Amino acid sequence: MAHDDTGTAVLDKTPVAESATVERRSSKPRGLVVALVLSINALLVMLAALVVVLVDYRTDEQAEQEAVALAREYAVVMSTFDYQNLDANRERIAEMSTPAFAERYGSMVDALRELVTEGQGSAEAQALHAATEHTDGDTATVLVFADQNATNVSTPDGGTSRFRMVFSLVRIDDRWLVDNVETL
């Protein structure tokens, strides 16, 4: 409010207009700040989701690599033997197997014991290739290509057998175990 020369109050409209403009100007930055905060929050949520996906992917990839490593090692241990000590690998096979499959493996060794001992059989194996065919959290199917160089009284110079194996694995207590092996 302003006063004229007579002392009478005169309304001054300029400050009201200026204050409305100031109000409108100040509401625009507030809207921009709110939009910016919301955008940053949305970005943070998207980044968190991406981290979860990447961690899950790495976990799946690591589990798959562990499954392949187990099947590769198992193929070598299972296919390597010496008639003088057929039980040498039995404990390691049991550690890498489900209890049911370890029992089946033990029965197979027992059934072949006499034949292998009389034939003085021995073999060394190597896993040439291995890859997963399927994995889903708690089960995996792994394919292994292995060669076995075997000798016995019939073939003292030895011979190579090529095996193609399908391993069925199960994940128990955060580790893979062999539940079945099929030779193709």
C-alpha atoms as a PDB file:
ATOM      1  CA  MET A   1       0.000   0.000   0.000  1.00  0.00           C
ATOM      2  CA  ALA A   2       1.248   3.492  -0.863  1.00  0.00           C
ATOM      3  CA  HIS A   3       0.223   6.991   0.368  1.00  0.00           C
ATOM      4  CA  ASP A   4      -0.427  10.056  -1.760  1.00  0.00           C
ATOM      5  CA  ASP A   5       0.458  13.654  -0.812  1.00  0.00           C
ATOM      6  CA  THR A   6      -2.800  14.046   1.129  1.00  0.00           C
ATOM      7  CA  GLY A   7      -2.113  11.108   3.409  1.00  0.00           C
ATOM      8  CA  THR A   8      -4.783   8.993   1.825  1.00  0.00           C
ATOM      9  CA  ALA A   9      -3.989   5.385   1.330  1.00  0.00           C
ATOM     10  CA  VAL A  10      -3.750   4.300  -2.275  1.00  0.00           C
ATOM     11  CA  LEU A  11      -3.762   0.671  -3.233  1.00  0.00           C
ATOM     12  CA  ASP A  12      -0.719  -0.426  -5.132  1.00  0.00           C
ATOM     13  CA  LYS A  13      -1.455  -3.409  -7.386  1.00  0.00           C
ATOM     14  CA  THR A  14       2.109  -3.968  -8.480  1.00  0.00           C
ATOM     15  CA  PRO A  15       3.232  -6.029  -5.481  1.00  0.00           C
ATOM     16  CA  VAL A  16       0.261  -8.412  -5.855  1.00  0.00           C
ATOM     17  CA  ALA A  17       1.086  -9.065  -9.500  1.00  0.00           C
ATOM     18  CA  GLU A  18       4.734  -9.474  -8.693  1.00  0.00           C
ATOM     19  CA  SER A  19       3.984 -11.893  -5.839  1.00  0.00           C
ATOM     20  CA  ALA A  20       1.730 -14.005  -8.097  1.00  0.00           C
ATOM     21  CA  THR A  21       4.512 -14.200 -10.657  1.00  0.00           C
ATOM     22  CA  VAL A  22       6.958 -15.148  -7.939  1.00  0.00           C
ATOM     23  CA  GLU A  23       4.510 -17.816  -6.706  1.00  0.00           C
ATOM     24  CA  ARG A  24       4.109 -19.253 -10.205  1.00  0.00           C
ATOM     25  CA  ARG A  25       7.841 -19.215 -10.749  1.00  0.00           C
ATOM     26  CA  SER A  26       8.497 -20.934  -7.440  1.00  0.00           C
ATOM     27  CA  SER A  27       5.912 -23.660  -8.193  1.00  0.00           C
ATOM     28  CA  LYS A  28       7.661 -24.513 -11.483  1.00  0.00           C
ATOM     29  CA  PRO A  29      10.986 -25.311  -9.796  1.00  0.00           C
ATOM     30  CA  ARG A  30       9.124 -27.377  -7.161  1.00  0.00           C
ATOM     31  CA  GLY A  31       7.459 -29.383  -9.935  1.00  0.00           C
ATOM     32  CA  LEU A  32      10.816 -29.878 -11.613  1.00  0.00           C
ATOM     33  CA  VAL A  33      12.375 -30.991  -8.336  1.00  0.00           C
ATOM     34  CA  VAL A  34       9.534 -33.463  -7.720  1.00  0.00           C
ATOM     35  CA  ALA A  35       9.850 -34.809 -11.279  1.00  0.00           C
ATOM     36  CA  LEU A  36      13.609 -35.082 -10.884  1.00  0.00           C
ATOM     37  CA  VAL A  37      13.290 -36.927  -7.554  1.00  0.00           C
ATOM     38  CA  LEU A  38      10.724 -39.321  -9.047  1.00  0.00           C
ATOM     39  CA  SER A  39      12.947 -39.929 -12.064  1.00  0.00           C
ATOM     40  CA  ILE A  40      15.956 -40.639  -9.854  1.00  0.00           C
ATOM     41  CA  ASN A  41      13.879 -43.038  -7.734  1.00  0.00           C
ATOM     42  CA  ALA A  42      12.666 -44.846 -10.867  1.00  0.00           C
ATOM     43  CA  LEU A  43      16.245 -45.093 -12.093  1.00  0.00           C
ATOM     44  CA  LEU A  44      17.400 -46.502  -8.747  1.00  0.00           C
ATOM     45  CA  VAL A  45      14.612 -49.105  -8.822  1.00  0.00           C
ATOM     46  CA  MET A  46      15.604 -50.121 -12.351  1.00  0.00           C
ATOM     47  CA  LEU A  47      19.272 -50.361 -11.323  1.00  0.00           C
ATOM     48  CA  ALA A  48      18.366 -52.509  -8.327  1.00  0.00           C
ATOM     49  CA  ALA A  49      16.330 -54.825 -10.567  1.00  0.00           C
ATOM     50  CA  LEU A  50      19.250 -55.061 -12.988  1.00  0.00           C
ATOM     51  CA  VAL A  51      21.617 -55.971 -10.154  1.00  0.00           C
ATOM     52  CA  VAL A  52      19.234 -58.720  -9.012  1.00  0.00           C
ATOM     53  CA  VAL A  53      19.020 -60.114 -12.553  1.00  0.00           C
ATOM     54  CA  LEU A  54      22.799 -60.016 -12.994  1.00  0.00           C
ATOM     55  CA  VAL A  55      23.438 -61.689  -9.640  1.00  0.00           C
ATOM     56  CA  ASP A  56      20.893 -64.384 -10.500  1.00  0.00           C
ATOM     57  CA  TYR A  57      22.538 -64.868 -13.909  1.00  0.00           C
ATOM     58  CA  ARG A  58      25.991 -65.165 -12.349  1.00  0.00           C
ATOM     59  CA  THR A  59      24.658 -67.654  -9.790  1.00  0.00           C
ATOM     60  CA  ASP A  60      23.079 -69.756 -12.562  1.00  0.00           C
ATOM     61  CA  GLU A  61      26.241 -69.556 -14.637  1.00  0.00           C
ATOM     62  CA  GLN A  62      28.379 -70.567 -11.670  1.00  0.00           C
ATOM     63  CA  ALA A  63      26.075 -73.504 -10.865  1.00  0.00           C
ATOM     64  CA  GLU A  64      26.254 -74.621 -14.499  1.00  0.00           C
ATOM     65  CA  GLN A  65      30.072 -74.460 -14.461  1.00  0.00           C
ATOM     66  CA  GLU A  66      30.123 -76.480 -11.236  1.00  0.00           C
ATOM     67  CA  ALA A  67      27.839 -79.117 -12.778  1.00  0.00           C
ATOM     68  CA  VAL A  68      30.097 -79.443 -15.833  1.00  0.00           C
ATOM     69  CA  ALA A  69      33.223 -79.673 -13.654  1.00  0.00           C
ATOM     70  CA  LEU A  70      31.671 -82.411 -11.512  1.00  0.00           C
ATOM     71  CA  ALA A  71      30.536 -84.479 -14.509  1.00  0.00           C
ATOM     72  CA  ARG A  72      33.938 -84.105 -16.183  1.00  0.00           C
ATOM     73  CA  GLU A  73      35.778 -85.231 -13.042  1.00  0.00           C
ATOM     74  CA  TYR A  74      33.297 -88.041 -12.418  1.00  0.00           C
ATOM     75  CA  ALA A  75      33.747 -89.404 -15.949  1.00  0.00           C
ATOM     76  CA  VAL A  76      37.506 -89.603 -15.412  1.00  0.00           C
ATOM     77  CA  VAL A  77      37.307 -91.106 -11.917  1.00  0.00           C
ATOM     78  CA  MET A  78      34.628 -93.625 -12.902  1.00  0.00           C
ATOM     79  CA  SER A  79      36.472 -94.738 -16.060  1.00  0.00           C
ATOM     80  CA  THR A  80      39.941 -94.993 -14.530  1.00  0.00           C
ATOM     81  CA  PHE A  81      40.760 -98.190 -12.666  1.00  0.00           C
ATOM     82  CA  ASP A  82      43.420-100.776 -11.913  1.00  0.00           C
ATOM     83  CA  TYR A  83      42.625-104.423 -11.264  1.00  0.00           C
ATOM     84  CA  GLN A  84      45.076-104.411  -8.329  1.00  0.00           C
ATOM     85  CA  ASN A  85      42.913-101.918  -6.430  1.00  0.00           C
ATOM     86  CA  LEU A  86      39.399-101.660  -7.823  1.00  0.00           C
ATOM     87  CA  ASP A  87      38.197 -99.843  -4.719  1.00  0.00           C
ATOM     88  CA  ALA A  88      40.680 -96.971  -5.132  1.00  0.00           C
ATOM     89  CA  ASN A  89      38.039 -94.643  -6.591  1.00  0.00           C
ATOM     90  CA  ARG A  90      35.040 -95.970  -4.685  1.00  0.00           C
ATOM     91  CA  GLU A  91      35.212 -93.384  -1.893  1.00  0.00           C
ATOM     92  CA  ARG A  92      35.603 -90.475  -4.314  1.00  0.00           C
ATOM     93  CA  ILE A  93      32.686 -91.750  -6.408  1.00  0.00           C
ATOM     94  CA  ALA A  94      30.554 -92.006  -3.250  1.00  0.00           C
ATOM     95  CA  GLU A  95      31.416 -88.391  -2.324  1.00  0.00           C
ATOM     96  CA  MET A  96      30.299 -87.183  -5.751  1.00  0.00           C
ATOM     97  CA  SER A  97      27.124 -89.313  -5.935  1.00  0.00           C
ATOM     98  CA  THR A  98      23.715 -89.437  -4.376  1.00  0.00           C
ATOM     99  CA  PRO A  99      23.559 -92.310  -1.872  1.00  0.00           C
ATOM    100  CA  ALA A 100      21.372 -94.351  -4.231  1.00  0.00           C
ATOM    101  CA  PHE A 101      23.732 -93.975  -7.186  1.00  0.00           C
ATOM    102  CA  ALA A 102      26.820 -94.627  -5.031  1.00  0.00           C
ATOM    103  CA  GLU A 103      25.208 -97.919  -4.041  1.00  0.00           C
ATOM    104  CA  ARG A 104      24.508 -98.802  -7.690  1.00  0.00           C
ATOM    105  CA  TYR A 105      28.089 -97.955  -8.641  1.00  0.00           C
ATOM    106  CA  GLY A 106      29.420-100.126  -5.798  1.00  0.00           C
ATOM    107  CA  SER A 107      27.239-103.027  -6.955  1.00  0.00           C
ATOM    108  CA  MET A 108      28.543-102.631 -10.516  1.00  0.00           C
ATOM    109  CA  VAL A 109      32.186-102.697  -9.331  1.00  0.00           C
ATOM    110  CA  ASP A 110      31.453-105.777  -7.218  1.00  0.00           C
ATOM    111  CA  ALA A 111      29.796-107.542 -10.184  1.00  0.00           C
ATOM    112  CA  LEU A 112      32.785-106.834 -12.454  1.00  0.00           C
ATOM    113  CA  ARG A 113      35.508-107.426  -9.847  1.00  0.00           C
ATOM    114  CA  GLU A 114      36.299-111.037 -10.764  1.00  0.00           C
ATOM    115  CA  LEU A 115      36.276-110.412 -14.525  1.00  0.00           C
ATOM    116  CA  VAL A 116      38.537-107.335 -14.278  1.00  0.00           C
ATOM    117  CA  THR A 117      40.915-108.974 -11.781  1.00  0.00           C
ATOM    118  CA  GLU A 118      41.309-112.183 -13.795  1.00  0.00           C
ATOM    119  CA  GLY A 119      41.784-110.166 -16.991  1.00  0.00           C
ATOM    120  CA  GLN A 120      44.254-107.843 -15.233  1.00  0.00           C
ATOM    121  CA  GLY A 121      42.373-104.865 -16.557  1.00  0.00           C
ATOM    122  CA  SER A 122      43.413-101.287 -16.064  1.00  0.00           C
ATOM    123  CA  ALA A 123      42.322 -98.086 -17.695  1.00  0.00           C
ATOM    124  CA  GLU A 124      43.013 -94.404 -17.753  1.00  0.00           C
ATOM    125  CA  ALA A 125      40.441 -91.929 -18.916  1.00  0.00           C
ATOM    126  CA  GLN A 126      40.271 -88.323 -19.921  1.00  0.00           C
ATOM    127  CA  ALA A 127      37.262 -86.127 -20.458  1.00  0.00           C
ATOM    128  CA  LEU A 128      37.661 -84.389 -23.786  1.00  0.00           C
ATOM    129  CA  HIS A 129      34.500 -82.289 -23.852  1.00  0.00           C
ATOM    130  CA  ALA A 130      31.661 -81.533 -21.462  1.00  0.00           C
ATOM    131  CA  ALA A 131      28.652 -79.257 -21.660  1.00  0.00           C
ATOM    132  CA  THR A 132      25.279 -78.823 -20.061  1.00  0.00           C
ATOM    133  CA  GLU A 133      22.251 -79.926 -21.969  1.00  0.00           C
ATOM    134  CA  HIS A 134      19.842 -78.643 -19.328  1.00  0.00           C
ATOM    135  CA  THR A 135      19.949 -76.905 -15.960  1.00  0.00           C
ATOM    136  CA  ASP A 136      17.175 -75.585 -13.765  1.00  0.00           C
ATOM    137  CA  GLY A 137      18.204 -74.712 -10.220  1.00  0.00           C
ATOM    138  CA  ASP A 138      18.107 -78.219  -8.690  1.00  0.00           C
ATOM    139  CA  THR A 139      18.758 -80.557 -11.632  1.00  0.00           C
ATOM    140  CA  ALA A 140      21.170 -80.643 -14.525  1.00  0.00           C
ATOM    141  CA  THR A 141      21.939 -82.868 -17.464  1.00  0.00           C
ATOM    142  CA  VAL A 142      25.552 -82.810 -18.602  1.00  0.00           C
ATOM    143  CA  LEU A 143      27.022 -84.480 -21.678  1.00  0.00           C
ATOM    144  CA  VAL A 144      30.611 -85.728 -21.480  1.00  0.00           C
ATOM    145  CA  PHE A 145      32.793 -87.074 -24.264  1.00  0.00           C
ATOM    146  CA  ALA A 146      35.581 -89.202 -22.761  1.00  0.00           C
ATOM    147  CA  ASP A 147      38.301 -91.481 -24.052  1.00  0.00           C
ATOM    148  CA  GLN A 148      39.477 -94.493 -22.100  1.00  0.00           C
ATOM    149  CA  ASN A 149      42.789 -96.208 -22.802  1.00  0.00           C
ATOM    150  CA  ALA A 150      42.516 -99.738 -21.416  1.00  0.00           C
ATOM    151  CA  THR A 151      44.838-102.715 -21.195  1.00  0.00           C
ATOM    152  CA  ASN A 152      44.227-106.301 -20.130  1.00  0.00           C
ATOM    153  CA  VAL A 153      45.658-109.753 -20.793  1.00  0.00           C
ATOM    154  CA  SER A 154      43.860-109.914 -24.149  1.00  0.00           C
ATOM    155  CA  THR A 155      45.108-106.491 -25.326  1.00  0.00           C
ATOM    156  CA  PRO A 156      48.381-105.786 -23.493  1.00  0.00           C
ATOM    157  CA  ASP A 157      49.188-102.904 -25.849  1.00  0.00           C
ATOM    158  CA  GLY A 158      45.875-101.340 -24.987  1.00  0.00           C
ATOM    159  CA  GLY A 159      43.097 -99.843 -26.948  1.00  0.00           C
ATOM    160  CA  THR A 160      41.074 -96.680 -26.839  1.00  0.00           C
ATOM    161  CA  SER A 161      37.341 -96.650 -26.262  1.00  0.00           C
ATOM    162  CA  ARG A 162      35.359 -93.495 -26.859  1.00  0.00           C
ATOM    163  CA  PHE A 163      32.482 -92.912 -24.477  1.00  0.00           C
ATOM    164  CA  ARG A 164      29.618 -90.489 -24.700  1.00  0.00           C
ATOM    165  CA  MET A 165      27.967 -90.114 -21.311  1.00  0.00           C
ATOM    166  CA  VAL A 166      24.834 -88.402 -20.096  1.00  0.00           C
ATOM    167  CA  PHE A 167      25.032 -87.349 -16.449  1.00  0.00           C
ATOM    168  CA  SER A 168      21.915 -86.595 -14.427  1.00  0.00           C
ATOM    169  CA  LEU A 169      22.802 -84.330 -11.513  1.00  0.00           C
ATOM    170  CA  VAL A 170      20.830 -83.080  -8.551  1.00  0.00           C
ATOM    171  CA  ARG A 171      21.687 -80.133  -6.321  1.00  0.00           C
ATOM    172  CA  ILE A 172      21.556 -81.009  -2.633  1.00  0.00           C
ATOM    173  CA  ASP A 173      22.777 -78.694   0.129  1.00  0.00           C
ATOM    174  CA  ASP A 174      24.201 -76.279  -2.451  1.00  0.00           C
ATOM    175  CA  ARG A 175      26.361 -78.884  -4.225  1.00  0.00           C
ATOM    176  CA  TRP A 176      25.892 -81.032  -7.285  1.00  0.00           C
ATOM    177  CA  LEU A 177      25.745 -84.823  -6.969  1.00  0.00           C
ATOM    178  CA  VAL A 178      25.578 -87.446  -9.703  1.00  0.00           C
ATOM    179  CA  ASP A 179      22.254 -89.271  -9.639  1.00  0.00           C
ATOM    180  CA  ASN A 180      22.669 -91.314 -12.818  1.00  0.00           C
ATOM    181  CA  VAL A 181      25.072 -91.944 -15.684  1.00  0.00           C
ATOM    182  CA  GLU A 182      24.105 -93.358 -19.054  1.00  0.00           C
ATOM    183  CA  THR A 183      26.622 -94.362 -21.691  1.00  0.00           C
ATOM    184  CA  LEU A 184      25.523 -93.817 -25.277  1.00  0.00           C
END
